Amino acid sequence: TEWTSRIVHAGGTIRRCRDALVIDLENSWHLRSGPLKPLVSPDV
């Protein structure tokens, strides 16, 4: 986040290409899998 923010701060642009797809092969730890929010879950 910090590194890519320098692009914008320097007057550049980041464009997301909606048709260029990358598949995440692993679930993100940010996903909630129970009543506890991920940030405070003992699974993290």
All heavy atoms as atom14 arrays in JSON, in Angstrom:
{
  "sequence": "TEWTSRIVHAGGTIRRCRDALVIDLENSWHLRSGPLKPLVSPDV",
  "atom14_mask": [
    [1, 1, 1, 1, 1, 1, 1, 0, 0, 0, 0, 0, 0, 0],
    [1, 1, 1, 1, 1, 1, 1, 1, 1, 0, 0, 0, 0, 0],
    [1, 1, 1, 1, 1, 1, 1, 1, 1, 1, 1, 1, 1, 1],
    [1, 1, 1, 1, 1, 1, 1, 0, 0, 0, 0, 0, 0, 0],
    [1, 1, 1, 1, 1, 1, 0, 0, 0, 0, 0, 0, 0, 0],
    [1, 1, 1, 1, 1, 1, 1, 1, 1, 1, 1, 0, 0, 0],
    [1, 1, 1, 1, 1, 1, 1, 1, 0, 0, 0, 0, 0, 0],
    [1, 1, 1, 1, 1, 1, 1, 0, 0, 0, 0, 0, 0, 0],
    [1, 1, 1, 1, 1, 1, 1, 1, 1, 1, 0, 0, 0, 0],
    [1, 1, 1, 1, 1, 0, 0, 0, 0, 0, 0, 0, 0, 0],
    [1, 1, 1, 1, 0, 0, 0, 0, 0, 0, 0, 0, 0, 0],
    [1, 1, 1, 1, 0, 0, 0, 0, 0, 0, 0, 0, 0, 0],
    [1, 1, 1, 1, 1, 1, 1, 0, 0, 0, 0, 0, 0, 0],
    [1, 1, 1, 1, 1, 1, 1, 1, 0, 0, 0, 0, 0, 0],
    [1, 1, 1, 1, 1, 1, 1, 1, 1, 1, 1, 0, 0, 0],
    [1, 1, 1, 1, 1, 1, 1, 1, 1, 1, 1, 0, 0, 0],
    [1, 1, 1, 1, 1, 1, 0, 0, 0, 0, 0, 0, 0, 0],
    [1, 1, 1, 1, 1, 1, 1, 1, 1, 1, 1, 0, 0, 0],
    [1, 1, 1, 1, 1, 1, 1, 1, 0, 0, 0, 0, 0, 0],
    [1, 1, 1, 1, 1, 0, 0, 0, 0, 0, 0, 0, 0, 0],
    [1, 1, 1, 1, 1, 1, 1, 1, 0, 0, 0, 0, 0, 0],
    [1, 1, 1, 1, 1, 1, 1, 0, 0, 0, 0, 0, 0, 0],
    [1, 1, 1, 1, 1, 1, 1, 1, 0, 0, 0, 0, 0, 0],
    [1, 1, 1, 1, 1, 1, 1, 1, 0, 0, 0, 0, 0, 0],
    [1, 1, 1, 1, 1, 1, 1, 1, 0, 0, 0, 0, 0, 0],
    [1, 1, 1, 1, 1, 1, 1, 1, 1, 0, 0, 0, 0, 0],
    [1, 1, 1, 1, 1, 1, 1, 1, 0, 0, 0, 0, 0, 0],
    [1, 1, 1, 1, 1, 1, 0, 0, 0, 0, 0, 0, 0, 0],
    [1, 1, 1, 1, 1, 1, 1, 1, 1, 1, 1, 1, 1, 1],
    [1, 1, 1, 1, 1, 1, 1, 1, 1, 1, 0, 0, 0, 0],
    [1, 1, 1, 1, 1, 1, 1, 1, 0, 0, 0, 0, 0, 0],
    [1, 1, 1, 1, 1, 1, 1, 1, 1, 1, 1, 0, 0, 0],
    [1, 1, 1, 1, 1, 1, 0, 0, 0, 0, 0, 0, 0, 0],
    [1, 1, 1, 1, 0, 0, 0, 0, 0, 0, 0, 0, 0, 0],
    [1, 1, 1, 1, 1, 1, 1, 0, 0, 0, 0, 0, 0, 0],
    [1, 1, 1, 1, 1, 1, 1, 1, 0, 0, 0, 0, 0, 0],
    [1, 1, 1, 1, 1, 1, 1, 1, 1, 0, 0, 0, 0, 0],
    [1, 1, 1, 1, 1, 1, 1, 0, 0, 0, 0, 0, 0, 0],
    [1, 1, 1, 1, 1, 1, 1, 1, 0, 0, 0, 0, 0, 0],
    [1, 1, 1, 1, 1, 1, 1, 0, 0, 0, 0, 0, 0, 0],
    [1, 1, 1, 1, 1, 1, 0, 0, 0, 0, 0, 0, 0, 0],
    [1, 1, 1, 1, 1, 1, 1, 0, 0, 0, 0, 0, 0, 0],
    [1, 1, 1, 1, 1, 1, 1, 1, 0, 0, 0, 0, 0, 0],
    [1, 1, 1, 1, 1, 1, 1, 0, 0, 0, 0, 0, 0, 0]
  ],
  "atom14_positions": [
    [[0.84, -1.21, 0.0], [0.0, 0.0, 0.0], [0.87, 1.25, 0.0], [0.65, 2.19, -0.8], [-0.93, 0.01, 1.23], [-1.78, -1.14, 1.18], [-1.78, 1.27, 1.26], [0.0, 0.0, 0.0], [0.0, 0.0, 0.0], [0.0, 0.0, 0.0], [0.0, 0.0, 0.0], [0.0, 0.0, 0.0], [0.0, 0.0, 0.0], [0.0, 0.0, 0.0]],
    [[1.86, 1.29, 0.89], [2.75, 2.46, 0.97], [3.53, 2.63, -0.33], [3.63, 3.74, -0.86], [3.72, 2.29, 2.15], [4.56, 3.52, 2.44], [5.76, 3.69, 1.52], [6.33, 2.65, 1.06], [6.15, 4.84, 1.22], [0.0, 0.0, 0.0], [0.0, 0.0, 0.0], [0.0, 0.0, 0.0], [0.0, 0.0, 0.0], [0.0, 0.0, 0.0]],
    [[4.04, 1.51, -0.86], [4.88, 1.57, -2.06], [4.08, 2.07, -3.26], [4.51, 2.98, -3.98], [5.47, 0.2, -2.33], [6.45, 0.16, -3.46], [7.65, 0.83, -3.54], [6.33, -0.58, -4.67], [8.29, 0.54, -4.73], [7.49, -0.33, -5.45], [5.37, -1.45, -5.18], [7.7, -0.9, -6.69], [5.57, -2.04, -6.42], [6.74, -1.76, -7.17]],
    [[2.91, 1.5, -3.49], [2.12, 1.9, -4.67], [1.48, 3.27, -4.51], [1.17, 3.92, -5.5], [1.03, 0.86, -4.98], [0.21, 0.66, -3.82], [1.65, -0.47, -5.39], [0.0, 0.0, 0.0], [0.0, 0.0, 0.0], [0.0, 0.0, 0.0], [0.0, 0.0, 0.0], [0.0, 0.0, 0.0], [0.0, 0.0, 0.0], [0.0, 0.0, 0.0]],
    [[1.31, 3.74, -3.26], [0.78, 5.09, -3.07], [1.74, 6.14, -3.62], [1.32, 7.24, -3.97], [0.5, 5.36, -1.59], [1.71, 5.48, -0.84], [0.0, 0.0, 0.0], [0.0, 0.0, 0.0], [0.0, 0.0, 0.0], [0.0, 0.0, 0.0], [0.0, 0.0, 0.0], [0.0, 0.0, 0.0], [0.0, 0.0, 0.0], [0.0, 0.0, 0.0]],
    [[3.01, 5.8, -3.71], [4.01, 6.73, -4.25], [3.74, 7.01, -5.73], [4.11, 8.09, -6.24], [5.41, 6.17, -4.09], [5.86, 5.96, -2.66], [7.28, 5.46, -2.63], [7.52, 4.51, -1.55], [8.57, 3.72, -1.47], [9.5, 3.78, -2.41], [8.71, 2.88, -0.46], [0.0, 0.0, 0.0], [0.0, 0.0, 0.0], [0.0, 0.0, 0.0]],
    [[3.13, 6.05, -6.42], [2.81, 6.27, -7.83], [1.85, 7.44, -7.97], [2.05, 8.35, -8.78], [2.17, 4.99, -8.43], [3.15, 3.82, -8.37], [1.71, 5.25, -9.86], [2.53, 2.5, -8.81], [0.0, 0.0, 0.0], [0.0, 0.0, 0.0], [0.0, 0.0, 0.0], [0.0, 0.0, 0.0], [0.0, 0.0, 0.0], [0.0, 0.0, 0.0]],
    [[0.79, 7.42, -7.17], [-0.22, 8.47, -7.22], [0.33, 9.79, -6.7], [0.09, 10.86, -7.26], [-1.47, 8.05, -6.43], [-2.51, 9.15, -6.44], [-2.06, 6.76, -7.01], [0.0, 0.0, 0.0], [0.0, 0.0, 0.0], [0.0, 0.0, 0.0], [0.0, 0.0, 0.0], [0.0, 0.0, 0.0], [0.0, 0.0, 0.0], [0.0, 0.0, 0.0]],
    [[1.1, 9.72, -5.6], [1.66, 10.95, -5.02], [2.61, 11.64, -6.0], [2.78, 12.86, -5.94], [2.41, 10.63, -3.73], [1.5, 10.19, -2.62], [1.92, 9.47, -1.52], [0.17, 10.36, -2.46], [0.89, 9.22, -0.73], [-0.18, 9.75, -1.29], [0.0, 0.0, 0.0], [0.0, 0.0, 0.0], [0.0, 0.0, 0.0], [0.0, 0.0, 0.0]],
    [[3.21, 10.86, -6.89], [4.13, 11.43, -7.88], [3.4, 11.9, -9.14], [4.03, 12.33, -10.1], [5.2, 10.41, -8.25], [0.0, 0.0, 0.0], [0.0, 0.0, 0.0], [0.0, 0.0, 0.0], [0.0, 0.0, 0.0], [0.0, 0.0, 0.0], [0.0, 0.0, 0.0], [0.0, 0.0, 0.0], [0.0, 0.0, 0.0], [0.0, 0.0, 0.0]],
    [[2.06, 11.83, -9.12], [1.28, 12.29, -10.26], [0.95, 11.21, -11.26], [0.39, 11.49, -12.32], [0.0, 0.0, 0.0], [0.0, 0.0, 0.0], [0.0, 0.0, 0.0], [0.0, 0.0, 0.0], [0.0, 0.0, 0.0], [0.0, 0.0, 0.0], [0.0, 0.0, 0.0], [0.0, 0.0, 0.0], [0.0, 0.0, 0.0], [0.0, 0.0, 0.0]],
    [[1.29, 9.94, -10.93], [1.0, 8.84, -11.82], [-0.39, 8.25, -11.57], [-1.16, 8.75, -10.75], [0.0, 0.0, 0.0], [0.0, 0.0, 0.0], [0.0, 0.0, 0.0], [0.0, 0.0, 0.0], [0.0, 0.0, 0.0], [0.0, 0.0, 0.0], [0.0, 0.0, 0.0], [0.0, 0.0, 0.0], [0.0, 0.0, 0.0], [0.0, 0.0, 0.0]],
    [[-0.7, 7.19, -12.28], [-2.02, 6.56, -12.21], [-1.88, 5.05, -12.16], [-1.02, 4.48, -12.83], [-2.88, 6.95, -13.43], [-3.0, 8.38, -13.49], [-4.27, 6.34, -13.35], [0.0, 0.0, 0.0], [0.0, 0.0, 0.0], [0.0, 0.0, 0.0], [0.0, 0.0, 0.0], [0.0, 0.0, 0.0], [0.0, 0.0, 0.0], [0.0, 0.0, 0.0]],
    [[-2.73, 4.42, -11.37], [-2.85, 2.96, -11.36], [-4.21, 2.61, -11.92], [-5.23, 3.08, -11.41], [-2.72, 2.38, -9.93], [-1.46, 2.88, -9.24], [-2.75, 0.85, -9.98], [-1.4, 2.52, -7.76], [0.0, 0.0, 0.0], [0.0, 0.0, 0.0], [0.0, 0.0, 0.0], [0.0, 0.0, 0.0], [0.0, 0.0, 0.0], [0.0, 0.0, 0.0]],
    [[-4.24, 1.8, -12.96], [-5.51, 1.4, -13.57], [-5.71, -0.1, -13.38], [-4.84, -0.9, -13.73], [-5.51, 1.73, -15.07], [-5.48, 3.21, -15.36], [-5.63, 3.5, -16.85], [-5.47, 4.92, -17.11], [-6.47, 5.8, -17.01], [-7.68, 5.39, -16.69], [-6.25, 7.08, -17.26], [0.0, 0.0, 0.0], [0.0, 0.0, 0.0], [0.0, 0.0, 0.0]],
    [[-6.87, -0.45, -12.85], [-7.23, -1.86, -12.77], [-7.86, -2.3, -14.08], [-8.78, -1.65, -14.59], [-8.21, -2.11, -11.63], [-8.51, -3.59, -11.41], [-9.76, -3.82, -10.59], [-9.81, -2.99, -9.41], [-9.17, -3.26, -8.28], [-8.42, -4.32, -8.21], [-9.27, -2.44, -7.24], [0.0, 0.0, 0.0], [0.0, 0.0, 0.0], [0.0, 0.0, 0.0]],
    [[-7.36, -3.41, -14.62], [-7.94, -3.99, -15.82], [-8.9, -5.1, -15.39], [-8.46, -6.15, -14.9], [-6.84, -4.55, -16.72], [-7.45, -5.23, -18.28], [0.0, 0.0, 0.0], [0.0, 0.0, 0.0], [0.0, 0.0, 0.0], [0.0, 0.0, 0.0], [0.0, 0.0, 0.0], [0.0, 0.0, 0.0], [0.0, 0.0, 0.0], [0.0, 0.0, 0.0]],
    [[-10.19, -4.86, -15.55], [-11.18, -5.82, -15.07], [-11.14, -7.13, -15.82], [-11.56, -8.17, -15.28], [-12.59, -5.2, -15.2], [-12.86, -4.03, -14.26], [-14.25, -3.49, -14.5], [-14.57, -2.36, -13.64], [-15.18, -2.47, -12.46], [-15.51, -3.66, -12.01], [-15.44, -1.4, -11.73], [0.0, 0.0, 0.0], [0.0, 0.0, 0.0], [0.0, 0.0, 0.0]],
    [[-10.62, -7.14, -17.04], [-10.61, -8.35, -17.86], [-9.33, -9.16, -17.72], [-9.24, -10.27, -18.24], [-10.82, -8.0, -19.33], [-12.16, -7.33, -19.56], [-13.11, -7.66, -18.83], [-12.25, -6.46, -20.45], [0.0, 0.0, 0.0], [0.0, 0.0, 0.0], [0.0, 0.0, 0.0], [0.0, 0.0, 0.0], [0.0, 0.0, 0.0], [0.0, 0.0, 0.0]],
    [[-8.33, -8.61, -17.05], [-7.07, -9.33, -16.82], [-7.17, -9.99, -15.45], [-7.06, -9.32, -14.42], [-5.88, -8.37, -16.87], [0.0, 0.0, 0.0], [0.0, 0.0, 0.0], [0.0, 0.0, 0.0], [0.0, 0.0, 0.0], [0.0, 0.0, 0.0], [0.0, 0.0, 0.0], [0.0, 0.0, 0.0], [0.0, 0.0, 0.0], [0.0, 0.0, 0.0]],
    [[-7.4, -11.28, -15.43], [-7.75, -11.96, -14.19], [-6.59, -12.79, -13.63], [-5.88, -13.48, -14.36], [-8.95, -12.88, -14.42], [-10.23, -12.19, -14.91], [-11.34, -13.2, -15.1], [-10.67, -11.09, -13.93], [0.0, 0.0, 0.0], [0.0, 0.0, 0.0], [0.0, 0.0, 0.0], [0.0, 0.0, 0.0], [0.0, 0.0, 0.0], [0.0, 0.0, 0.0]],
    [[-6.45, -12.7, -12.31], [-5.49, -13.52, -11.56], [-6.28, -14.25, -10.48], [-7.04, -13.64, -9.74], [-4.39, -12.64, -10.93], [-3.56, -13.46, -9.95], [-3.49, -12.05, -12.0], [0.0, 0.0, 0.0], [0.0, 0.0, 0.0], [0.0, 0.0, 0.0], [0.0, 0.0, 0.0], [0.0, 0.0, 0.0], [0.0, 0.0, 0.0], [0.0, 0.0, 0.0]],
    [[-6.09, -15.57, -10.4], [-6.83, -16.39, -9.46], [-6.02, -16.58, -8.19], [-4.87, -17.05, -8.25], [-7.17, -17.78, -10.06], [-7.75, -17.63, -11.47], [-8.11, -18.54, -9.14], [-9.02, -16.84, -11.53], [0.0, 0.0, 0.0], [0.0, 0.0, 0.0], [0.0, 0.0, 0.0], [0.0, 0.0, 0.0], [0.0, 0.0, 0.0], [0.0, 0.0, 0.0]],
    [[-6.58, -16.22, -7.04], [-5.95, -16.52, -5.76], [-6.19, -17.99, -5.45], [-7.34, -18.43, -5.31], [-6.53, -15.65, -4.65], [-6.02, -14.23, -4.71], [-4.97, -14.0, -5.34], [-6.65, -13.33, -4.11], [0.0, 0.0, 0.0], [0.0, 0.0, 0.0], [0.0, 0.0, 0.0], [0.0, 0.0, 0.0], [0.0, 0.0, 0.0], [0.0, 0.0, 0.0]],
    [[-5.12, -18.76, -5.31], [-5.24, -20.19, -5.07], [-5.47, -20.52, -3.6], [-5.76, -21.67, -3.28], [-3.96, -20.91, -5.55], [-3.62, -20.72, -7.04], [-2.3, -21.41, -7.35], [-4.73, -21.27, -7.92], [0.0, 0.0, 0.0], [0.0, 0.0, 0.0], [0.0, 0.0, 0.0], [0.0, 0.0, 0.0], [0.0, 0.0, 0.0], [0.0, 0.0, 0.0]],
    [[-5.36, -19.53, -2.75], [-5.49, -19.75, -1.31], [-6.44, -18.72, -0.73], [-6.43, -17.55, -1.14], [-4.11, -19.65, -0.65], [-4.08, -20.07, 0.8], [-2.65, -20.06, 1.35], [-2.04, -18.98, 1.35], [-2.16, -21.11, 1.76], [0.0, 0.0, 0.0], [0.0, 0.0, 0.0], [0.0, 0.0, 0.0], [0.0, 0.0, 0.0], [0.0, 0.0, 0.0]],
    [[-7.25, -19.13, 0.23], [-8.16, -18.21, 0.9], [-7.39, -17.15, 1.67], [-6.33, -17.43, 2.25], [-9.08, -18.95, 1.87], [-10.22, -19.65, 1.14], [-10.77, -19.12, 0.18], [-10.55, -20.85, 1.59], [0.0, 0.0, 0.0], [0.0, 0.0, 0.0], [0.0, 0.0, 0.0], [0.0, 0.0, 0.0], [0.0, 0.0, 0.0], [0.0, 0.0, 0.0]],
    [[-7.91, -15.94, 1.69], [-7.3, -14.87, 2.46], [-7.61, -15.03, 3.94], [-8.7, -15.43, 4.33], [-7.82, -13.5, 1.98], [-7.41, -12.48, 2.85], [0.0, 0.0, 0.0], [0.0, 0.0, 0.0], [0.0, 0.0, 0.0], [0.0, 0.0, 0.0], [0.0, 0.0, 0.0], [0.0, 0.0, 0.0], [0.0, 0.0, 0.0], [0.0, 0.0, 0.0]],
    [[-6.63, -14.72, 4.8], [-6.86, -14.81, 6.24], [-7.81, -13.72, 6.72], [-8.33, -13.78, 7.83], [-5.54, -14.72, 7.01], [-4.81, -13.41, 6.93], [-3.91, -13.04, 5.98], [-4.91, -12.3, 7.83], [-3.43, -11.77, 6.23], [-4.02, -11.29, 7.36], [-5.64, -12.05, 8.98], [-3.87, -10.07, 8.0], [-5.47, -10.83, 9.63], [-4.6, -9.86, 9.14]],
    [[-8.09, -12.74, 5.87], [-9.02, -11.68, 6.22], [-10.48, -12.14, 6.19], [-11.36, -11.44, 6.69], [-8.88, -10.49, 5.26], [-7.56, -9.78, 5.4], [-6.5, -10.04, 4.58], [-7.14, -8.82, 6.27], [-5.47, -9.27, 4.93], [-5.83, -8.53, 5.94], [0.0, 0.0, 0.0], [0.0, 0.0, 0.0], [0.0, 0.0, 0.0], [0.0, 0.0, 0.0]],
    [[-10.71, -13.33, 5.58], [-12.09, -13.81, 5.48], [-12.59, -14.29, 6.84], [-11.9, -15.0, 7.56], [-12.17, -14.95, 4.47], [-11.97, -14.59, 3.01], [-12.08, -15.84, 2.15], [-12.97, -13.55, 2.57], [0.0, 0.0, 0.0], [0.0, 0.0, 0.0], [0.0, 0.0, 0.0], [0.0, 0.0, 0.0], [0.0, 0.0, 0.0], [0.0, 0.0, 0.0]],
    [[-13.81, -13.91, 7.15], [-14.41, -14.32, 8.42], [-14.99, -15.72, 8.28], [-15.81, -15.99, 7.41], [-15.51, -13.32, 8.8], [-16.12, -13.53, 10.16], [-16.99, -12.34, 10.51], [-17.65, -12.48, 11.8], [-18.28, -11.49, 12.43], [-18.33, -10.31, 11.85], [-18.85, -11.69, 13.59], [0.0, 0.0, 0.0], [0.0, 0.0, 0.0], [0.0, 0.0, 0.0]],
    [[-14.58, -16.64, 9.17], [-15.04, -18.02, 9.1], [-15.86, -18.43, 10.32], [-16.27, -19.58, 10.42], [-13.84, -18.97, 8.97], [-12.95, -18.82, 10.06], [0.0, 0.0, 0.0], [0.0, 0.0, 0.0], [0.0, 0.0, 0.0], [0.0, 0.0, 0.0], [0.0, 0.0, 0.0], [0.0, 0.0, 0.0], [0.0, 0.0, 0.0], [0.0, 0.0, 0.0]],
    [[-16.1, -17.52, 11.23], [-16.86, -17.81, 12.43], [-17.39, -16.53, 13.03], [-17.37, -15.47, 12.39], [0.0, 0.0, 0.0], [0.0, 0.0, 0.0], [0.0, 0.0, 0.0], [0.0, 0.0, 0.0], [0.0, 0.0, 0.0], [0.0, 0.0, 0.0], [0.0, 0.0, 0.0], [0.0, 0.0, 0.0], [0.0, 0.0, 0.0], [0.0, 0.0, 0.0]],
    [[-17.86, -16.57, 14.29], [-18.41, -15.36, 14.9], [-17.36, -14.29, 15.21], [-17.68, -13.11, 15.28], [-19.05, -15.88, 16.2], [-18.33, -17.15, 16.49], [-18.02, -17.75, 15.15], [0.0, 0.0, 0.0], [0.0, 0.0, 0.0], [0.0, 0.0, 0.0], [0.0, 0.0, 0.0], [0.0, 0.0, 0.0], [0.0, 0.0, 0.0], [0.0, 0.0, 0.0]],
    [[-16.1, -14.72, 15.38], [-15.04, -13.75, 15.68], [-14.52, -13.09, 14.42], [-14.31, -13.75, 13.4], [-13.89, -14.44, 16.4], [-14.09, -14.77, 17.89], [-12.95, -15.62, 18.4], [-14.21, -13.5, 18.71], [0.0, 0.0, 0.0], [0.0, 0.0, 0.0], [0.0, 0.0, 0.0], [0.0, 0.0, 0.0], [0.0, 0.0, 0.0], [0.0, 0.0, 0.0]],
    [[-14.3, -11.78, 14.5], [-13.72, -11.06, 13.37], [-12.26, -11.49, 13.21], [-11.57, -11.75, 14.2], [-13.83, -9.56, 13.59], [-15.28, -9.06, 13.6], [-15.35, -7.56, 13.8], [-16.8, -7.08, 13.84], [-17.48, -7.28, 12.55], [0.0, 0.0, 0.0], [0.0, 0.0, 0.0], [0.0, 0.0, 0.0], [0.0, 0.0, 0.0], [0.0, 0.0, 0.0]],
    [[-11.76, -11.58, 11.97], [-10.4, -12.11, 11.73], [-9.31, -11.42, 12.53], [-8.36, -12.08, 12.98], [-10.22, -11.9, 10.22], [-11.59, -11.94, 9.67], [-12.46, -11.29, 10.72], [0.0, 0.0, 0.0], [0.0, 0.0, 0.0], [0.0, 0.0, 0.0], [0.0, 0.0, 0.0], [0.0, 0.0, 0.0], [0.0, 0.0, 0.0], [0.0, 0.0, 0.0]],
    [[-9.4, -10.11, 12.7], [-8.34, -9.38, 13.4], [-8.15, -9.85, 14.84], [-7.06, -9.72, 15.4], [-8.63, -7.88, 13.38], [-8.24, -7.13, 12.11], [-8.7, -5.69, 12.18], [-6.74, -7.19, 11.88], [0.0, 0.0, 0.0], [0.0, 0.0, 0.0], [0.0, 0.0, 0.0], [0.0, 0.0, 0.0], [0.0, 0.0, 0.0], [0.0, 0.0, 0.0]],
    [[-9.2, -10.36, 15.46], [-9.08, -10.79, 16.85], [-9.31, -12.29, 17.01], [-9.43, -12.8, 18.11], [-10.09, -10.02, 17.75], [-9.67, -8.57, 17.87], [-11.51, -10.13, 17.22], [0.0, 0.0, 0.0], [0.0, 0.0, 0.0], [0.0, 0.0, 0.0], [0.0, 0.0, 0.0], [0.0, 0.0, 0.0], [0.0, 0.0, 0.0], [0.0, 0.0, 0.0]],
    [[-9.36, -13.02, 15.91], [-9.58, -14.46, 15.96], [-8.29, -15.18, 16.37], [-7.2, -14.84, 15.89], [-10.05, -14.97, 14.6], [-10.04, -16.37, 14.57], [0.0, 0.0, 0.0], [0.0, 0.0, 0.0], [0.0, 0.0, 0.0], [0.0, 0.0, 0.0], [0.0, 0.0, 0.0], [0.0, 0.0, 0.0], [0.0, 0.0, 0.0], [0.0, 0.0, 0.0]],
    [[-8.39, -16.21, 17.23], [-7.2, -16.99, 17.58], [-6.64, -17.77, 16.41], [-5.51, -18.28, 16.48], [-7.71, -17.93, 18.69], [-9.18, -18.01, 18.47], [-9.59, -16.67, 17.95], [0.0, 0.0, 0.0], [0.0, 0.0, 0.0], [0.0, 0.0, 0.0], [0.0, 0.0, 0.0], [0.0, 0.0, 0.0], [0.0, 0.0, 0.0], [0.0, 0.0, 0.0]],
    [[-7.4, -17.87, 15.32], [-6.91, -18.55, 14.12], [-5.88, -17.71, 13.37], [-5.17, -18.21, 12.49], [-8.07, -18.87, 13.18], [-9.06, -19.86, 13.79], [-8.63, -20.67, 14.64], [-10.25, -19.79, 13.45], [0.0, 0.0, 0.0], [0.0, 0.0, 0.0], [0.0, 0.0, 0.0], [0.0, 0.0, 0.0], [0.0, 0.0, 0.0], [0.0, 0.0, 0.0]],
    [[-5.8, -16.42, 13.7], [-4.84, -15.51, 13.08], [-3.69, -15.27, 14.05], [-3.91, -14.83, 15.18], [-5.51, -14.17, 12.7], [-4.49, -13.2, 12.12], [-6.63, -14.41, 11.7], [0.0, 0.0, 0.0], [0.0, 0.0, 0.0], [0.0, 0.0, 0.0], [0.0, 0.0, 0.0], [0.0, 0.0, 0.0], [0.0, 0.0, 0.0], [0.0, 0.0, 0.0]]
  ]
}
